[in-house]
Amino acid sequence: MFIFGTRMFGQTDRVPGLFYVATKFFHINFVPLCPLSTYLVIEARGLGPRGISVPMSSDSLIVAWLRAFGWIIAFAFALMTVSYAPSSESKNGTDYTLQMENFAVFLGCFFLFCGVALFLQFHSLLRNASYGRATEICSTMMPGGSQGLQRLVDQHFGMDVVVMASAMIAEEDGDMDHMEMAVASSATAQFSDTLPGDLAKQKKPHRDRPTRPPLPTATVLEVV
């Protein structure tokens, strides 16, 4: 029995809760054969279409084929392990020792390739994106969605906290002139307004507490 069609494989460059990259393959029995197109799949709501076509990702192709190869080899060793399993009738035969050795080797290879396949399938090294890669992926989106997504990426990796701390040091040392501070204040206010409801509420200062001047975002510092 053969099952064929198209399906998404090779999930990689994932930022949990925001997006990931995957490639649509033509498959037979869920074995990816021919890549058709690569998509940026958006998990966060309100940031544009669910799937955005992007240039073919070599990382996604390699990951998809490696994962399939690992499971195929593991399945092959499982069949060989069953076929070489010693039976009660062969205990008195001269080939019983050799049969047991082959069984042990194939069983060990089966567990080895199962571990390799699970590593390729679930390890964060192949699944998750670095900050630099996530920023590069954001640039493939439309300008409006890219800005909102980039801010969420900065939040996920904690980059906005690092930038704010650096800006606070620069402010205390007097390295920023009045024009830069005005631009930074405007950008910070815009950043708070474009956040989702719960996050925007957290960014608003309490009226009864004294507040520092708004701090610049990562985008403003890059321009300056």
N, C-alpha and C. Protein backbone atom coordinates (compact mmCIF):
# COMPACT_ATOMS: atom_id res chain seq x y z
N MET A 1 0.84 -1.19 0.00
CA MET A 1 0.00 0.00 0.00
C MET A 1 0.88 1.25 0.00
N PHE A 2 0.57 2.19 -0.88
CA PHE A 2 1.35 3.41 -1.00
C PHE A 2 0.48 4.62 -0.67
N ILE A 3 1.04 5.50 0.13
CA ILE A 3 0.40 6.78 0.44
C ILE A 3 1.31 7.88 -0.10
N PHE A 4 0.76 8.74 -0.93
CA PHE A 4 1.58 9.79 -1.51
C PHE A 4 0.80 11.10 -1.54
N GLY A 5 1.54 12.18 -1.70
CA GLY A 5 0.93 13.51 -1.72
C GLY A 5 1.97 14.55 -1.34
N THR A 6 1.51 15.67 -0.82
CA THR A 6 2.41 16.74 -0.38
C THR A 6 2.23 16.95 1.12
N ARG A 7 3.33 17.30 1.76
CA ARG A 7 3.31 17.46 3.21
C ARG A 7 4.50 18.33 3.61
N MET A 8 4.37 19.01 4.75
CA MET A 8 5.45 19.85 5.25
C MET A 8 6.44 19.00 6.04
N PHE A 9 7.72 19.13 5.70
CA PHE A 9 8.80 18.44 6.41
C PHE A 9 9.91 19.46 6.69
N GLY A 10 10.89 19.00 7.47
CA GLY A 10 12.10 19.80 7.69
C GLY A 10 11.88 21.04 8.52
N GLN A 11 11.09 20.92 9.59
CA GLN A 11 10.87 22.09 10.44
C GLN A 11 12.17 22.50 11.12
N THR A 12 12.54 23.75 10.95
CA THR A 12 13.79 24.26 11.52
C THR A 12 13.67 25.77 11.71
N ASP A 13 14.72 26.39 12.24
CA ASP A 13 14.75 27.84 12.47
C ASP A 13 13.51 28.30 13.22
N ARG A 14 13.17 27.60 14.28
CA ARG A 14 11.95 27.91 15.03
C ARG A 14 12.24 28.87 16.18
N VAL A 15 11.38 29.86 16.32
CA VAL A 15 11.34 30.70 17.51
C VAL A 15 10.03 30.36 18.20
N PRO A 16 10.07 29.65 19.34
CA PRO A 16 8.84 29.13 19.96
C PRO A 16 7.78 30.20 20.15
N GLY A 17 6.59 29.88 19.67
CA GLY A 17 5.46 30.79 19.81
C GLY A 17 5.36 31.86 18.74
N LEU A 18 6.38 31.97 17.87
CA LEU A 18 6.38 33.02 16.84
C LEU A 18 6.32 32.44 15.43
N PHE A 19 7.33 31.66 15.04
CA PHE A 19 7.35 31.14 13.68
C PHE A 19 8.35 30.00 13.57
N TYR A 20 8.32 29.32 12.42
CA TYR A 20 9.33 28.33 12.06
C TYR A 20 9.37 28.22 10.54
N VAL A 21 10.42 27.61 10.02
CA VAL A 21 10.59 27.41 8.59
C VAL A 21 10.40 25.93 8.28
N ALA A 22 9.63 25.63 7.23
CA ALA A 22 9.40 24.25 6.81
C ALA A 22 9.26 24.22 5.29
N THR A 23 9.50 23.05 4.71
CA THR A 23 9.46 22.87 3.26
C THR A 23 8.38 21.87 2.88
N LYS A 24 7.62 22.22 1.86
CA LYS A 24 6.60 21.30 1.34
C LYS A 24 7.26 20.33 0.36
N PHE A 25 7.10 19.02 0.64
CA PHE A 25 7.68 17.97 -0.18
C PHE A 25 6.58 17.14 -0.82
N PHE A 26 6.90 16.56 -1.98
CA PHE A 26 6.12 15.42 -2.47
C PHE A 26 6.68 14.18 -1.77
N HIS A 27 5.81 13.39 -1.17
CA HIS A 27 6.27 12.24 -0.38
C HIS A 27 5.55 10.97 -0.82
N ILE A 28 6.20 9.86 -0.57
CA ILE A 28 5.60 8.53 -0.71
C ILE A 28 5.78 7.83 0.62
N ASN A 29 4.66 7.43 1.21
CA ASN A 29 4.67 6.82 2.55
C ASN A 29 5.41 7.70 3.56
N PHE A 30 5.19 8.99 3.46
CA PHE A 30 5.73 9.98 4.39
C PHE A 30 7.26 10.07 4.36
N VAL A 31 7.85 9.66 3.24
CA VAL A 31 9.28 9.85 3.02
C VAL A 31 9.45 11.02 2.07
N PRO A 32 10.04 12.14 2.51
CA PRO A 32 10.16 13.32 1.64
C PRO A 32 11.10 13.05 0.47
N LEU A 33 10.60 13.28 -0.73
CA LEU A 33 11.38 13.00 -1.93
C LEU A 33 11.74 14.26 -2.69
N CYS A 34 10.73 14.98 -3.16
CA CYS A 34 10.96 16.14 -4.02
C CYS A 34 10.50 17.42 -3.33
N PRO A 35 11.41 18.36 -3.05
CA PRO A 35 10.99 19.62 -2.43
C PRO A 35 10.26 20.51 -3.43
N LEU A 36 9.20 21.14 -2.97
CA LEU A 36 8.39 22.01 -3.84
C LEU A 36 8.58 23.49 -3.50
N SER A 37 8.46 23.85 -2.24
CA SER A 37 8.62 25.24 -1.84
C SER A 37 8.82 25.31 -0.33
N THR A 38 9.46 26.38 0.11
CA THR A 38 9.73 26.60 1.54
C THR A 38 8.84 27.73 2.04
N TYR A 39 8.35 27.58 3.27
CA TYR A 39 7.44 28.56 3.85
C TYR A 39 7.93 28.98 5.23
N LEU A 40 7.65 30.24 5.54
CA LEU A 40 7.77 30.75 6.90
C LEU A 40 6.38 30.64 7.52
N VAL A 41 6.22 29.74 8.47
CA VAL A 41 4.92 29.48 9.09
C VAL A 41 4.81 30.30 10.36
N ILE A 42 3.82 31.18 10.41
CA ILE A 42 3.64 32.09 11.54
C ILE A 42 2.77 31.41 12.59
N GLU A 43 3.29 31.32 13.81
CA GLU A 43 2.51 30.77 14.92
C GLU A 43 1.80 31.87 15.70
N ALA A 44 2.42 33.05 15.79
CA ALA A 44 1.81 34.17 16.52
C ALA A 44 0.66 34.75 15.71
N ARG A 45 -0.41 35.11 16.38
CA ARG A 45 -1.58 35.67 15.70
C ARG A 45 -1.41 37.16 15.46
N GLY A 46 -2.05 37.62 14.38
CA GLY A 46 -2.08 39.04 14.08
C GLY A 46 -0.83 39.58 13.44
N LEU A 47 0.03 38.70 12.90
CA LEU A 47 1.28 39.17 12.28
C LEU A 47 1.31 38.86 10.79
N GLY A 48 0.17 38.75 10.16
CA GLY A 48 0.14 38.51 8.73
C GLY A 48 -0.36 37.12 8.40
N PRO A 49 -0.14 36.67 7.16
CA PRO A 49 -0.64 35.36 6.72
C PRO A 49 -0.02 34.22 7.53
N ARG A 50 -0.73 33.11 7.54
CA ARG A 50 -0.26 31.94 8.28
C ARG A 50 1.04 31.39 7.69
N GLY A 51 1.12 31.31 6.37
CA GLY A 51 2.31 30.82 5.70
C GLY A 51 2.80 31.81 4.65
N ILE A 52 4.09 32.13 4.67
CA ILE A 52 4.66 33.08 3.73
C ILE A 52 5.74 32.36 2.93
N SER A 53 5.63 32.40 1.62
CA SER A 53 6.62 31.74 0.76
C SER A 53 7.95 32.48 0.85
N VAL A 54 9.01 31.73 1.08
CA VAL A 54 10.36 32.29 1.18
C VAL A 54 11.27 31.49 0.26
N PRO A 55 12.48 31.99 -0.03
CA PRO A 55 13.41 31.22 -0.85
C PRO A 55 13.69 29.84 -0.24
N MET A 56 13.96 28.88 -1.13
CA MET A 56 14.20 27.51 -0.68
C MET A 56 15.32 27.48 0.36
N SER A 57 15.03 26.84 1.50
CA SER A 57 15.99 26.78 2.60
C SER A 57 16.78 25.48 2.53
N SER A 58 18.08 25.59 2.35
CA SER A 58 18.93 24.39 2.32
C SER A 58 18.95 23.70 3.68
N ASP A 59 18.87 24.48 4.76
CA ASP A 59 18.84 23.87 6.10
C ASP A 59 17.61 23.00 6.26
N SER A 60 16.46 23.48 5.81
CA SER A 60 15.23 22.71 5.92
C SER A 60 15.29 21.44 5.09
N LEU A 61 15.86 21.52 3.89
CA LEU A 61 15.99 20.34 3.03
C LEU A 61 16.88 19.29 3.67
N ILE A 62 18.04 19.73 4.16
CA ILE A 62 18.99 18.78 4.76
C ILE A 62 18.40 18.13 5.99
N VAL A 63 17.74 18.93 6.85
CA VAL A 63 17.14 18.38 8.06
C VAL A 63 16.05 17.38 7.72
N ALA A 64 15.21 17.69 6.72
CA ALA A 64 14.13 16.78 6.34
C ALA A 64 14.68 15.44 5.85
N TRP A 65 15.68 15.49 4.98
CA TRP A 65 16.23 14.24 4.44
C TRP A 65 17.02 13.47 5.50
N LEU A 66 17.74 14.16 6.37
CA LEU A 66 18.48 13.46 7.43
C LEU A 66 17.53 12.75 8.39
N ARG A 67 16.44 13.42 8.76
CA ARG A 67 15.47 12.79 9.66
C ARG A 67 14.85 11.57 9.01
N ALA A 68 14.47 11.69 7.74
CA ALA A 68 13.89 10.54 7.05
C ALA A 68 14.90 9.40 6.94
N PHE A 69 16.15 9.73 6.63
CA PHE A 69 17.19 8.70 6.52
C PHE A 69 17.40 7.99 7.85
N GLY A 70 17.41 8.74 8.94
CA GLY A 70 17.59 8.12 10.25
C GLY A 70 16.49 7.13 10.59
N TRP A 71 15.23 7.50 10.32
CA TRP A 71 14.12 6.59 10.63
C TRP A 71 14.10 5.39 9.69
N ILE A 72 14.48 5.57 8.43
CA ILE A 72 14.51 4.44 7.49
C ILE A 72 15.56 3.42 7.91
N ILE A 73 16.75 3.89 8.28
CA ILE A 73 17.80 2.97 8.72
C ILE A 73 17.39 2.27 10.01
N ALA A 74 16.77 2.99 10.93
CA ALA A 74 16.31 2.37 12.17
C ALA A 74 15.27 1.29 11.88
N PHE A 75 14.36 1.55 10.95
CA PHE A 75 13.35 0.56 10.58
C PHE A 75 13.98 -0.67 9.93
N ALA A 76 15.00 -0.44 9.09
CA ALA A 76 15.69 -1.57 8.44
C ALA A 76 16.38 -2.46 9.47
N PHE A 77 17.04 -1.85 10.45
CA PHE A 77 17.68 -2.66 11.49
C PHE A 77 16.65 -3.36 12.37
N ALA A 78 15.49 -2.77 12.54
CA ALA A 78 14.43 -3.45 13.29
C ALA A 78 14.00 -4.73 12.58
N LEU A 79 13.86 -4.67 11.26
CA LEU A 79 13.49 -5.87 10.50
C LEU A 79 14.59 -6.93 10.59
N MET A 80 15.85 -6.51 10.48
CA MET A 80 16.95 -7.48 10.57
C MET A 80 17.06 -8.07 11.97
N THR A 81 16.77 -7.27 12.99
CA THR A 81 16.79 -7.79 14.36
C THR A 81 15.75 -8.88 14.55
N VAL A 82 14.56 -8.66 14.01
CA VAL A 82 13.50 -9.67 14.12
C VAL A 82 13.87 -10.93 13.34
N SER A 83 14.44 -10.76 12.16
CA SER A 83 14.77 -11.92 11.33
C SER A 83 15.91 -12.76 11.92
N TYR A 84 16.81 -12.12 12.68
CA TYR A 84 17.93 -12.85 13.29
C TYR A 84 17.67 -13.21 14.75
N ALA A 85 16.46 -13.00 15.21
CA ALA A 85 16.15 -13.36 16.60
C ALA A 85 16.29 -14.87 16.79
N PRO A 86 17.03 -15.33 17.79
CA PRO A 86 17.22 -16.78 18.00
C PRO A 86 15.93 -17.45 18.42
N SER A 87 15.74 -18.64 17.92
CA SER A 87 14.55 -19.43 18.26
C SER A 87 14.94 -20.55 19.22
N SER A 88 13.95 -21.13 19.85
CA SER A 88 14.20 -22.21 20.81
C SER A 88 14.73 -23.46 20.11
N GLU A 89 14.42 -23.63 18.83
CA GLU A 89 14.87 -24.82 18.10
C GLU A 89 16.35 -24.77 17.77
N SER A 90 16.93 -23.58 17.73
CA SER A 90 18.33 -23.45 17.32
C SER A 90 19.30 -23.43 18.49
N LYS A 91 18.82 -23.65 19.70
CA LYS A 91 19.71 -23.58 20.86
C LYS A 91 20.77 -24.67 20.83
N ASN A 92 20.43 -25.81 20.26
CA ASN A 92 21.38 -26.92 20.23
C ASN A 92 22.20 -26.95 18.95
N GLY A 93 21.97 -26.00 18.05
CA GLY A 93 22.69 -25.98 16.78
C GLY A 93 24.06 -25.34 16.91
N THR A 94 24.90 -25.59 15.90
CA THR A 94 26.26 -25.04 15.92
C THR A 94 26.29 -23.55 15.60
N ASP A 95 25.25 -23.04 14.94
CA ASP A 95 25.23 -21.63 14.55
C ASP A 95 24.51 -20.75 15.58
N TYR A 96 24.20 -21.31 16.74
CA TYR A 96 23.44 -20.54 17.72
C TYR A 96 24.24 -19.33 18.22
N THR A 97 25.54 -19.53 18.47
CA THR A 97 26.38 -18.44 18.96
C THR A 97 26.47 -17.32 17.93
N LEU A 98 26.69 -17.69 16.66
CA LEU A 98 26.76 -16.69 15.60
C LEU A 98 25.44 -15.96 15.44
N GLN A 99 24.35 -16.69 15.58
CA GLN A 99 23.03 -16.07 15.47
C GLN A 99 22.80 -15.07 16.61
N MET A 100 23.23 -15.41 17.80
CA MET A 100 23.09 -14.50 18.93
C MET A 100 23.95 -13.25 18.74
N GLU A 101 25.15 -13.43 18.19
CA GLU A 101 26.01 -12.28 17.95
C GLU A 101 25.39 -11.33 16.92
N ASN A 102 24.86 -11.90 15.84
CA ASN A 102 24.21 -11.07 14.83
C ASN A 102 22.99 -10.35 15.40
N PHE A 103 22.25 -11.06 16.23
CA PHE A 103 21.07 -10.46 16.84
C PHE A 103 21.47 -9.28 17.73
N ALA A 104 22.53 -9.46 18.51
CA ALA A 104 22.98 -8.39 19.40
C ALA A 104 23.48 -7.18 18.61
N VAL A 105 24.20 -7.43 17.51
CA VAL A 105 24.70 -6.33 16.69
C VAL A 105 23.55 -5.55 16.07
N PHE A 106 22.60 -6.25 15.48
CA PHE A 106 21.47 -5.57 14.83
C PHE A 106 20.59 -4.84 15.85
N LEU A 107 20.43 -5.43 17.02
CA LEU A 107 19.64 -4.76 18.06
C LEU A 107 20.34 -3.47 18.52
N GLY A 108 21.66 -3.56 18.68
CA GLY A 108 22.40 -2.36 19.07
C GLY A 108 22.33 -1.27 18.01
N CYS A 109 22.45 -1.66 16.74
CA CYS A 109 22.35 -0.68 15.65
C CYS A 109 20.95 -0.07 15.58
N PHE A 110 19.94 -0.88 15.88
CA PHE A 110 18.57 -0.36 15.89
C PHE A 110 18.41 0.75 16.93
N PHE A 111 18.88 0.50 18.15
CA PHE A 111 18.78 1.52 19.19
C PHE A 111 19.65 2.73 18.87
N LEU A 112 20.80 2.50 18.25
CA LEU A 112 21.68 3.60 17.89
C LEU A 112 21.01 4.54 16.90
N PHE A 113 20.44 3.98 15.85
CA PHE A 113 19.82 4.83 14.83
C PHE A 113 18.49 5.41 15.30
N CYS A 114 17.83 4.74 16.24
CA CYS A 114 16.66 5.37 16.86
C CYS A 114 17.07 6.63 17.62
N GLY A 115 18.20 6.53 18.33
CA GLY A 115 18.70 7.70 19.04
C GLY A 115 19.11 8.81 18.09
N VAL A 116 19.76 8.44 16.97
CA VAL A 116 20.14 9.45 15.98
C VAL A 116 18.91 10.12 15.38
N ALA A 117 17.89 9.32 15.06
CA ALA A 117 16.66 9.87 14.48
C ALA A 117 15.96 10.80 15.47
N LEU A 118 15.91 10.42 16.74
CA LEU A 118 15.28 11.27 17.75
C LEU A 118 16.07 12.56 17.95
N PHE A 119 17.39 12.47 17.90
CA PHE A 119 18.22 13.67 18.00
C PHE A 119 17.94 14.62 16.85
N LEU A 120 17.89 14.09 15.63
CA LEU A 120 17.62 14.93 14.46
C LEU A 120 16.21 15.51 14.49
N GLN A 121 15.29 14.79 15.14
CA GLN A 121 13.90 15.22 15.15
C GLN A 121 13.62 16.30 16.20
N PHE A 122 14.25 16.18 17.37
CA PHE A 122 13.82 17.01 18.49
C PHE A 122 14.89 17.91 19.09
N HIS A 123 16.16 17.73 18.75
CA HIS A 123 17.19 18.54 19.40
C HIS A 123 17.08 20.00 18.96
N SER A 124 17.26 20.90 19.93
CA SER A 124 17.11 22.34 19.65
C SER A 124 18.18 22.86 18.69
N LEU A 125 19.31 22.17 18.59
CA LEU A 125 20.37 22.61 17.68
C LEU A 125 19.88 22.66 16.24
N LEU A 126 19.01 21.72 15.87
CA LEU A 126 18.49 21.66 14.51
C LEU A 126 17.11 22.26 14.37
N ARG A 127 16.43 22.49 15.49
CA ARG A 127 15.05 22.99 15.43
C ARG A 127 14.96 24.50 15.63
N ASN A 128 15.74 25.04 16.55
CA ASN A 128 15.56 26.44 16.95
C ASN A 128 16.53 27.36 16.23
N ALA A 129 16.09 28.59 16.02
CA ALA A 129 16.90 29.60 15.34
C ALA A 129 17.69 30.42 16.34
N SER A 130 18.86 30.86 15.93
CA SER A 130 19.61 31.83 16.72
C SER A 130 19.01 33.22 16.52
N TYR A 131 19.47 34.18 17.31
CA TYR A 131 18.93 35.54 17.17
C TYR A 131 19.26 36.12 15.80
N GLY A 132 20.48 35.89 15.33
CA GLY A 132 20.85 36.41 14.02
C GLY A 132 20.03 35.81 12.90
N ARG A 133 19.81 34.48 12.97
CA ARG A 133 19.01 33.82 11.94
C ARG A 133 17.55 34.28 12.01
N ALA A 134 17.01 34.45 13.22
CA ALA A 134 15.63 34.91 13.36
C ALA A 134 15.47 36.31 12.79
N THR A 135 16.46 37.18 13.01
CA THR A 135 16.41 38.53 12.45
C THR A 135 16.46 38.49 10.93
N GLU A 136 17.28 37.61 10.38
CA GLU A 136 17.35 37.46 8.92
C GLU A 136 16.02 36.99 8.34
N ILE A 137 15.36 36.08 9.05
CA ILE A 137 14.07 35.58 8.57
C ILE A 137 13.02 36.68 8.60
N CYS A 138 13.06 37.52 9.63
CA CYS A 138 12.08 38.61 9.72
C CYS A 138 12.14 39.53 8.52
N SER A 139 13.31 39.68 7.93
CA SER A 139 13.46 40.59 6.79
C SER A 139 12.77 40.07 5.55
N THR A 140 12.37 38.79 5.52
CA THR A 140 11.69 38.24 4.35
C THR A 140 10.21 38.59 4.34
N MET A 141 9.69 39.13 5.44
CA MET A 141 8.27 39.46 5.50
C MET A 141 8.00 40.85 4.94
N MET A 142 6.70 41.18 4.82
CA MET A 142 6.30 42.52 4.42
C MET A 142 6.74 43.51 5.49
N PRO A 143 7.00 44.78 5.12
CA PRO A 143 7.54 45.75 6.10
C PRO A 143 6.73 45.85 7.37
N GLY A 144 5.40 45.92 7.28
CA GLY A 144 4.59 46.08 8.48
C GLY A 144 4.70 44.89 9.41
N GLY A 145 4.56 43.69 8.86
CA GLY A 145 4.66 42.49 9.68
C GLY A 145 6.05 42.25 10.19
N SER A 146 7.06 42.66 9.40
CA SER A 146 8.45 42.45 9.81
C SER A 146 8.78 43.23 11.07
N GLN A 147 8.31 44.47 11.17
CA GLN A 147 8.63 45.29 12.34
C GLN A 147 8.01 44.70 13.60
N GLY A 148 6.72 44.32 13.51
CA GLY A 148 6.07 43.75 14.68
C GLY A 148 6.70 42.44 15.09
N LEU A 149 7.05 41.60 14.11
CA LEU A 149 7.66 40.31 14.42
C LEU A 149 9.06 40.48 14.98
N GLN A 150 9.82 41.45 14.45
CA GLN A 150 11.17 41.67 14.95
C GLN A 150 11.16 42.10 16.41
N ARG A 151 10.18 42.90 16.80
CA ARG A 151 10.09 43.32 18.20
C ARG A 151 9.81 42.13 19.10
N LEU A 152 8.95 41.23 18.65
CA LEU A 152 8.67 40.03 19.44
C LEU A 152 9.89 39.11 19.50
N VAL A 153 10.65 39.05 18.41
CA VAL A 153 11.90 38.28 18.41
C VAL A 153 12.88 38.87 19.41
N ASP A 154 13.01 40.20 19.42
CA ASP A 154 13.89 40.87 20.39
C ASP A 154 13.48 40.54 21.82
N GLN A 155 12.18 40.54 22.06
CA GLN A 155 11.68 40.20 23.40
C GLN A 155 12.00 38.76 23.76
N HIS A 156 11.82 37.86 22.80
CA HIS A 156 12.05 36.44 23.08
C HIS A 156 13.51 36.18 23.47
N PHE A 157 14.44 36.81 22.77
CA PHE A 157 15.86 36.60 23.04
C PHE A 157 16.40 37.55 24.11
N GLY A 158 15.54 38.45 24.64
CA GLY A 158 15.98 39.37 25.66
C GLY A 158 16.86 40.49 25.16
N MET A 159 16.84 40.74 23.84
CA MET A 159 17.71 41.77 23.29
C MET A 159 17.23 43.16 23.67
N ASP A 160 15.90 43.34 23.83
CA ASP A 160 15.42 44.67 24.20
C ASP A 160 15.90 45.07 25.58
N VAL A 161 16.07 44.11 26.48
CA VAL A 161 16.58 44.41 27.82
C VAL A 161 18.04 44.84 27.75
N VAL A 162 18.82 44.17 26.90
CA VAL A 162 20.23 44.53 26.76
C VAL A 162 20.37 45.93 26.17
N VAL A 163 19.56 46.22 25.16
CA VAL A 163 19.63 47.54 24.53
C VAL A 163 19.23 48.63 25.50
N MET A 164 18.18 48.41 26.29
CA MET A 164 17.74 49.41 27.26
C MET A 164 18.80 49.65 28.32
N ALA A 165 19.47 48.60 28.78
CA ALA A 165 20.53 48.77 29.76
C ALA A 165 21.69 49.57 29.19
N SER A 166 22.06 49.30 27.93
CA SER A 166 23.13 50.06 27.29
C SER A 166 22.74 51.51 27.11
N ALA A 167 21.48 51.75 26.75
CA ALA A 167 21.02 53.13 26.57
C ALA A 167 21.01 53.88 27.89
N MET A 168 20.68 53.19 28.99
CA MET A 168 20.66 53.84 30.31
C MET A 168 22.07 54.27 30.71
N ILE A 169 23.04 53.42 30.42
CA ILE A 169 24.43 53.78 30.73
C ILE A 169 24.87 54.98 29.89
N ALA A 170 24.50 54.95 28.59
CA ALA A 170 24.87 56.07 27.72
C ALA A 170 24.22 57.36 28.17
N GLU A 171 22.97 57.26 28.64
CA GLU A 171 22.26 58.46 29.11
C GLU A 171 22.93 59.04 30.35
N GLU A 172 23.32 58.17 31.29
CA GLU A 172 23.95 58.65 32.51
C GLU A 172 25.32 59.26 32.25
N ASP A 173 26.01 58.74 31.21
CA ASP A 173 27.32 59.28 30.87
C ASP A 173 27.24 60.53 30.01
N GLY A 174 26.03 60.89 29.57
CA GLY A 174 25.87 62.09 28.75
C GLY A 174 26.33 61.92 27.33
N ASP A 175 26.29 60.70 26.79
CA ASP A 175 26.77 60.47 25.43
C ASP A 175 25.70 60.75 24.38
N MET A 176 24.45 60.96 24.78
CA MET A 176 23.37 61.16 23.82
C MET A 176 22.93 62.62 23.88
N ASP A 177 22.80 63.24 22.71
CA ASP A 177 22.35 64.63 22.69
C ASP A 177 20.83 64.69 22.77
N HIS A 178 20.29 65.91 22.82
CA HIS A 178 18.85 66.07 23.00
C HIS A 178 18.07 65.52 21.82
N MET A 179 18.59 65.66 20.60
CA MET A 179 17.88 65.16 19.44
C MET A 179 17.74 63.65 19.48
N GLU A 180 18.80 62.95 19.85
CA GLU A 180 18.76 61.50 19.93
C GLU A 180 17.78 61.05 21.00
N MET A 181 17.74 61.77 22.12
CA MET A 181 16.82 61.41 23.18
C MET A 181 15.38 61.60 22.75
N ALA A 182 15.10 62.64 21.97
CA ALA A 182 13.74 62.87 21.50
C ALA A 182 13.30 61.76 20.55
N VAL A 183 14.20 61.38 19.64
CA VAL A 183 13.87 60.28 18.72
C VAL A 183 13.68 58.99 19.48
N ALA A 184 14.53 58.75 20.49
CA ALA A 184 14.41 57.53 21.29
C ALA A 184 13.09 57.50 22.03
N SER A 185 12.68 58.64 22.58
CA SER A 185 11.42 58.69 23.32
C SER A 185 10.24 58.37 22.41
N SER A 186 10.25 58.94 21.20
CA SER A 186 9.17 58.68 20.25
C SER A 186 9.13 57.23 19.84
N ALA A 187 10.31 56.63 19.60
CA ALA A 187 10.36 55.24 19.17
C ALA A 187 9.89 54.31 20.27
N THR A 188 10.26 54.62 21.53
CA THR A 188 9.83 53.77 22.64
C THR A 188 8.33 53.82 22.82
N ALA A 189 7.74 55.00 22.68
CA ALA A 189 6.28 55.11 22.80
C ALA A 189 5.59 54.33 21.70
N GLN A 190 6.13 54.40 20.47
CA GLN A 190 5.54 53.64 19.37
C GLN A 190 5.67 52.15 19.61
N PHE A 191 6.80 51.73 20.18
CA PHE A 191 7.02 50.32 20.48
C PHE A 191 5.98 49.80 21.47
N SER A 192 5.68 50.57 22.52
CA SER A 192 4.71 50.16 23.52
C SER A 192 3.31 50.08 22.93
N ASP A 193 2.98 51.00 22.01
CA ASP A 193 1.63 51.01 21.43
C ASP A 193 1.39 49.83 20.51
N THR A 194 2.45 49.30 19.88
CA THR A 194 2.27 48.23 18.92
C THR A 194 2.36 46.86 19.54
N LEU A 195 2.66 46.75 20.82
CA LEU A 195 2.71 45.45 21.48
C LEU A 195 1.32 44.90 21.68
N PRO A 196 1.17 43.56 21.82
CA PRO A 196 -0.12 42.99 22.18
C PRO A 196 -0.61 43.56 23.50
N GLY A 197 -1.92 43.42 23.77
CA GLY A 197 -2.55 44.09 24.90
C GLY A 197 -1.85 43.88 26.22
N ASP A 198 -1.58 42.62 26.59
CA ASP A 198 -1.00 42.34 27.90
C ASP A 198 0.40 42.93 28.02
N LEU A 199 1.20 42.81 26.93
CA LEU A 199 2.56 43.32 26.99
C LEU A 199 2.58 44.84 27.01
N ALA A 200 1.64 45.46 26.28
CA ALA A 200 1.60 46.92 26.26
C ALA A 200 1.27 47.47 27.64
N LYS A 201 0.39 46.76 28.38
CA LYS A 201 0.04 47.22 29.72
C LYS A 201 1.24 47.16 30.65
N GLN A 202 2.09 46.16 30.42
CA GLN A 202 3.27 46.04 31.28
C GLN A 202 4.27 47.16 31.00
N LYS A 203 4.28 47.69 29.76
CA LYS A 203 5.24 48.72 29.41
C LYS A 203 4.84 50.10 29.93
N LYS A 204 3.54 50.31 30.25
CA LYS A 204 3.09 51.62 30.70
C LYS A 204 3.48 51.86 32.16
N PRO A 205 4.13 52.98 32.50
CA PRO A 205 4.53 53.24 33.88
C PRO A 205 3.34 53.62 34.74
N HIS A 206 3.45 53.38 36.03
CA HIS A 206 2.39 53.75 36.97
C HIS A 206 2.42 55.26 37.17
N ARG A 207 1.25 55.86 37.24
CA ARG A 207 1.17 57.32 37.32
C ARG A 207 1.77 57.87 38.61
N ASP A 208 1.69 57.08 39.68
CA ASP A 208 2.14 57.57 40.98
C ASP A 208 3.63 57.41 41.20
N ARG A 209 4.31 56.78 40.27
CA ARG A 209 5.73 56.53 40.45
C ARG A 209 6.53 57.43 39.52
N PRO A 210 7.65 57.97 39.99
CA PRO A 210 8.51 58.75 39.09
C PRO A 210 9.14 57.84 38.06
N THR A 211 9.21 58.29 36.85
CA THR A 211 9.74 57.46 35.77
C THR A 211 10.93 58.13 35.12
N ARG A 212 11.80 57.31 34.57
CA ARG A 212 12.92 57.82 33.79
C ARG A 212 12.44 58.21 32.39
N PRO A 213 13.19 58.99 31.69
CA PRO A 213 12.83 59.28 30.29
C PRO A 213 12.80 57.98 29.50
N PRO A 214 11.91 57.85 28.51
CA PRO A 214 11.84 56.63 27.69
C PRO A 214 13.19 56.32 27.07
N LEU A 215 13.45 55.04 26.90
CA LEU A 215 14.74 54.58 26.40
C LEU A 215 14.63 54.15 24.95
N PRO A 216 15.72 54.20 24.21
CA PRO A 216 15.65 53.85 22.78
C PRO A 216 15.54 52.36 22.58
N THR A 217 14.99 51.99 21.45
CA THR A 217 14.87 50.58 21.08
C THR A 217 16.08 50.18 20.25
N ALA A 218 16.12 48.87 19.91
CA ALA A 218 17.26 48.36 19.14
C ALA A 218 17.34 49.01 17.78
N THR A 219 16.19 49.27 17.16
CA THR A 219 16.19 49.85 15.82
C THR A 219 16.81 51.25 15.82
N VAL A 220 16.47 52.05 16.83
CA VAL A 220 16.99 53.42 16.89
C VAL A 220 18.50 53.42 17.08
N LEU A 221 19.01 52.55 17.93
CA LEU A 221 20.45 52.51 18.17
C LEU A 221 21.21 52.10 16.92
N GLU A 222 20.63 51.22 16.13
CA GLU A 222 21.30 50.80 14.91
C GLU A 222 21.41 51.97 13.91
N VAL A 223 20.35 52.78 13.85
CA VAL A 223 20.37 53.92 12.93
C VAL A 223 21.39 54.95 13.38
N VAL A 224 21.39 55.22 14.73
CA VAL A 224 22.33 56.20 15.27
C VAL A 224 23.76 55.72 15.12
